[in-house]
N, C-alpha and C. Protein backbone atom coordinates (compact mmCIF):
# COMPACT_ATOMS: atom_id res chain seq x y z
N UNK A 1 12.53 -14.13 -1.89
CA UNK A 1 11.53 -13.10 -2.12
C UNK A 1 12.25 -11.79 -2.44
N UNK A 2 11.67 -11.06 -3.35
CA UNK A 2 12.28 -9.78 -3.73
C UNK A 2 12.01 -8.73 -2.65
N UNK A 3 12.84 -7.71 -2.67
CA UNK A 3 12.65 -6.61 -1.72
C UNK A 3 11.39 -5.84 -2.08
N UNK A 4 10.73 -5.32 -1.08
CA UNK A 4 9.56 -4.49 -1.28
C UNK A 4 9.96 -3.02 -1.15
N UNK A 5 9.51 -2.21 -2.08
CA UNK A 5 9.70 -0.77 -1.96
C UNK A 5 8.51 -0.23 -1.19
N UNK A 6 8.78 0.64 -0.22
CA UNK A 6 7.69 1.19 0.58
C UNK A 6 8.05 2.58 1.09
N UNK A 7 7.00 3.29 1.51
CA UNK A 7 7.15 4.60 2.12
C UNK A 7 6.32 4.61 3.39
N UNK A 8 6.80 5.26 4.40
CA UNK A 8 6.04 5.45 5.64
C UNK A 8 5.62 6.91 5.66
N UNK A 9 4.31 7.14 5.69
CA UNK A 9 3.79 8.50 5.56
C UNK A 9 2.85 8.85 6.70
N UNK A 10 2.68 10.13 6.92
CA UNK A 10 1.68 10.65 7.85
C UNK A 10 0.63 11.36 7.01
N UNK A 11 -0.59 10.84 7.01
CA UNK A 11 -1.65 11.49 6.24
C UNK A 11 -2.42 12.45 7.14
N UNK A 12 -3.06 13.40 6.53
CA UNK A 12 -3.85 14.40 7.26
C UNK A 12 -2.99 15.11 8.29
N UNK A 13 -1.77 15.50 7.90
CA UNK A 13 -0.83 16.08 8.87
C UNK A 13 -0.60 17.57 8.61
N UNK A 14 -1.65 18.34 8.62
CA UNK A 14 -1.53 19.78 8.37
C UNK A 14 -0.75 20.50 9.47
N UNK A 15 -0.85 19.99 10.70
CA UNK A 15 -0.21 20.67 11.83
C UNK A 15 1.31 20.61 11.75
N UNK A 16 1.86 19.45 11.46
CA UNK A 16 3.31 19.31 11.36
C UNK A 16 3.62 18.01 10.61
N UNK A 17 4.82 17.87 10.08
CA UNK A 17 5.18 16.65 9.34
C UNK A 17 5.16 15.38 10.20
N UNK A 18 5.21 15.52 11.50
CA UNK A 18 5.24 14.34 12.36
C UNK A 18 3.90 14.03 13.01
N UNK A 19 2.86 14.75 12.60
CA UNK A 19 1.53 14.46 13.15
C UNK A 19 0.69 13.77 12.08
N UNK A 20 -0.51 13.37 12.43
CA UNK A 20 -1.40 12.74 11.47
C UNK A 20 -1.47 11.23 11.67
N UNK A 21 -2.16 10.59 10.76
CA UNK A 21 -2.32 9.13 10.81
C UNK A 21 -1.20 8.47 10.03
N UNK A 22 -0.53 7.53 10.66
CA UNK A 22 0.57 6.84 10.01
C UNK A 22 0.04 5.79 9.05
N UNK A 23 0.70 5.66 7.90
CA UNK A 23 0.33 4.67 6.90
C UNK A 23 1.59 4.20 6.19
N UNK A 24 1.66 2.90 5.95
CA UNK A 24 2.71 2.34 5.11
C UNK A 24 2.15 2.22 3.70
N UNK A 25 2.93 2.63 2.70
CA UNK A 25 2.53 2.51 1.31
C UNK A 25 3.54 1.59 0.64
N UNK A 26 3.08 0.41 0.22
CA UNK A 26 3.95 -0.60 -0.38
C UNK A 26 3.75 -0.57 -1.88
N UNK A 27 4.85 -0.42 -2.63
CA UNK A 27 4.80 -0.36 -4.09
C UNK A 27 5.15 -1.72 -4.65
N UNK A 28 4.20 -2.33 -5.36
CA UNK A 28 4.44 -3.62 -5.99
C UNK A 28 4.64 -3.42 -7.49
N UNK A 29 5.40 -4.31 -8.14
CA UNK A 29 5.60 -4.16 -9.58
C UNK A 29 4.31 -4.41 -10.37
N UNK A 30 4.24 -3.93 -11.62
CA UNK A 30 3.05 -4.16 -12.44
C UNK A 30 2.70 -5.64 -12.54
N UNK A 31 1.41 -5.93 -12.51
CA UNK A 31 0.88 -7.29 -12.67
C UNK A 31 1.40 -8.26 -11.60
N UNK A 32 1.78 -7.75 -10.44
CA UNK A 32 2.26 -8.63 -9.37
C UNK A 32 1.10 -9.47 -8.84
N UNK A 33 1.20 -10.78 -8.89
CA UNK A 33 0.09 -11.63 -8.46
C UNK A 33 -0.17 -11.58 -6.95
N UNK A 34 0.79 -11.09 -6.17
CA UNK A 34 0.61 -11.03 -4.72
C UNK A 34 -0.50 -10.07 -4.31
N UNK A 35 -0.92 -9.17 -5.21
CA UNK A 35 -2.00 -8.23 -4.88
C UNK A 35 -3.31 -8.96 -4.62
N UNK A 36 -3.43 -10.19 -5.08
CA UNK A 36 -4.65 -10.98 -4.88
C UNK A 36 -4.54 -11.92 -3.68
N UNK A 37 -3.39 -11.97 -3.04
CA UNK A 37 -3.16 -12.89 -1.91
C UNK A 37 -3.46 -12.17 -0.59
N UNK A 38 -4.70 -12.25 -0.14
CA UNK A 38 -5.13 -11.54 1.06
C UNK A 38 -4.30 -11.89 2.29
N UNK A 39 -3.96 -13.15 2.45
CA UNK A 39 -3.17 -13.56 3.62
C UNK A 39 -1.78 -12.94 3.59
N UNK A 40 -1.14 -12.93 2.44
CA UNK A 40 0.20 -12.34 2.32
C UNK A 40 0.13 -10.83 2.60
N UNK A 41 -0.86 -10.15 2.00
CA UNK A 41 -1.01 -8.71 2.21
C UNK A 41 -1.24 -8.39 3.68
N UNK A 42 -2.09 -9.17 4.34
CA UNK A 42 -2.38 -8.92 5.76
C UNK A 42 -1.14 -9.15 6.61
N UNK A 43 -0.33 -10.16 6.26
CA UNK A 43 0.91 -10.42 7.00
C UNK A 43 1.88 -9.26 6.87
N UNK A 44 2.04 -8.76 5.66
CA UNK A 44 2.94 -7.61 5.45
C UNK A 44 2.41 -6.40 6.20
N UNK A 45 1.11 -6.15 6.10
CA UNK A 45 0.51 -5.00 6.81
C UNK A 45 0.72 -5.12 8.31
N UNK A 46 0.55 -6.31 8.85
CA UNK A 46 0.73 -6.52 10.29
C UNK A 46 2.17 -6.27 10.72
N UNK A 47 3.13 -6.60 9.85
CA UNK A 47 4.54 -6.38 10.17
C UNK A 47 4.88 -4.90 10.31
N UNK A 48 4.17 -4.04 9.59
CA UNK A 48 4.42 -2.60 9.73
C UNK A 48 3.89 -2.07 11.06
N UNK A 49 2.86 -2.67 11.59
CA UNK A 49 2.24 -2.22 12.85
C UNK A 49 1.78 -0.76 12.78
N UNK A 50 1.36 -0.32 11.61
CA UNK A 50 0.79 1.01 11.44
C UNK A 50 -0.73 0.86 11.41
N UNK A 51 -1.47 1.93 11.65
CA UNK A 51 -2.92 1.83 11.61
C UNK A 51 -3.44 1.34 10.25
N UNK A 52 -2.73 1.69 9.17
CA UNK A 52 -3.17 1.27 7.84
C UNK A 52 -1.96 1.02 6.95
N UNK A 53 -2.15 0.13 6.00
CA UNK A 53 -1.13 -0.14 4.98
C UNK A 53 -1.83 -0.21 3.64
N UNK A 54 -1.28 0.48 2.65
CA UNK A 54 -1.84 0.40 1.30
C UNK A 54 -0.82 -0.29 0.40
N UNK A 55 -1.35 -1.05 -0.54
CA UNK A 55 -0.54 -1.75 -1.53
C UNK A 55 -0.92 -1.17 -2.88
N UNK A 56 0.08 -0.68 -3.60
CA UNK A 56 -0.14 0.02 -4.86
C UNK A 56 0.54 -0.75 -5.98
N UNK A 57 -0.25 -1.04 -7.04
CA UNK A 57 0.27 -1.75 -8.22
C UNK A 57 -0.09 -0.95 -9.46
N UNK A 58 0.90 -0.56 -10.28
CA UNK A 58 0.57 0.14 -11.53
C UNK A 58 -0.26 -0.77 -12.44
N UNK A 59 -1.28 -0.19 -13.06
CA UNK A 59 -2.11 -0.94 -14.02
C UNK A 59 -1.52 -0.82 -15.42
N UNK A 60 -1.68 -1.85 -16.19
CA UNK A 60 -1.30 -1.80 -17.59
C UNK A 60 -2.43 -1.11 -18.35
N UNK A 61 -2.15 -0.01 -19.01
CA UNK A 61 -3.17 0.68 -19.79
C UNK A 61 -2.86 0.53 -21.27
N UNK A 62 -3.88 0.58 -22.09
CA UNK A 62 -3.70 0.38 -23.53
C UNK A 62 -2.85 1.48 -24.16
N UNK A 63 -3.22 2.73 -23.92
CA UNK A 63 -2.50 3.83 -24.53
C UNK A 63 -1.17 4.11 -23.85
N UNK A 64 -1.11 3.86 -22.57
CA UNK A 64 0.11 4.10 -21.82
C UNK A 64 0.36 5.56 -21.49
N UNK A 65 -0.58 6.44 -21.86
CA UNK A 65 -0.39 7.87 -21.62
C UNK A 65 -0.74 8.29 -20.21
N UNK A 66 -1.67 7.57 -19.58
CA UNK A 66 -2.12 7.93 -18.24
C UNK A 66 -1.64 6.90 -17.23
N UNK A 67 -1.31 7.37 -16.05
CA UNK A 67 -0.91 6.47 -14.98
C UNK A 67 -2.15 6.05 -14.20
N UNK A 68 -2.33 4.76 -14.05
CA UNK A 68 -3.43 4.24 -13.27
C UNK A 68 -2.88 3.19 -12.34
N UNK A 69 -3.54 3.02 -11.18
CA UNK A 69 -3.05 2.10 -10.16
C UNK A 69 -4.19 1.30 -9.56
N UNK A 70 -3.91 0.09 -9.17
CA UNK A 70 -4.78 -0.69 -8.30
C UNK A 70 -4.27 -0.48 -6.88
N UNK A 71 -5.17 -0.21 -5.95
CA UNK A 71 -4.78 0.03 -4.56
C UNK A 71 -5.64 -0.83 -3.65
N UNK A 72 -4.99 -1.48 -2.69
CA UNK A 72 -5.69 -2.24 -1.66
C UNK A 72 -5.25 -1.68 -0.31
N UNK A 73 -6.20 -1.53 0.61
CA UNK A 73 -5.94 -0.99 1.93
C UNK A 73 -6.17 -2.09 2.98
N UNK A 74 -5.27 -2.13 3.95
CA UNK A 74 -5.44 -3.03 5.08
C UNK A 74 -5.21 -2.23 6.35
N UNK A 75 -6.05 -2.46 7.34
CA UNK A 75 -5.88 -1.85 8.66
C UNK A 75 -5.34 -2.93 9.59
N UNK A 76 -4.80 -2.53 10.72
CA UNK A 76 -4.26 -3.48 11.66
C UNK A 76 -5.35 -4.46 12.07
N UNK A 77 -5.15 -5.71 11.70
CA UNK A 77 -6.09 -6.76 12.06
C UNK A 77 -7.37 -6.79 11.25
N UNK A 78 -7.54 -5.87 10.29
CA UNK A 78 -8.78 -5.81 9.51
C UNK A 78 -8.46 -5.57 8.05
N UNK A 79 -9.00 -6.40 7.18
CA UNK A 79 -8.84 -6.16 5.75
C UNK A 79 -9.88 -5.14 5.34
N UNK A 80 -9.45 -4.04 4.77
CA UNK A 80 -10.38 -2.95 4.42
C UNK A 80 -11.03 -3.16 3.06
N UNK A 81 -10.25 -3.39 2.03
CA UNK A 81 -10.84 -3.57 0.70
C UNK A 81 -9.80 -4.01 -0.30
């Protein structure tokens, strides 16, 4: 399996960089078929043990001028969308 690129972030952290809700953001390559594998996504999200994990996949656009992404969110033990 290839390595996953990810970032660990604190969202809504106006008070300080170490406050807020923790979230893992996993970057998948364009057209990665794993974005449709709910079981795999939930397993990866569970391994982070953060309140939420998002999976981001760049979309292929016709013009290529604008950046667009598909995003899926998973919460600990719950698939969000």
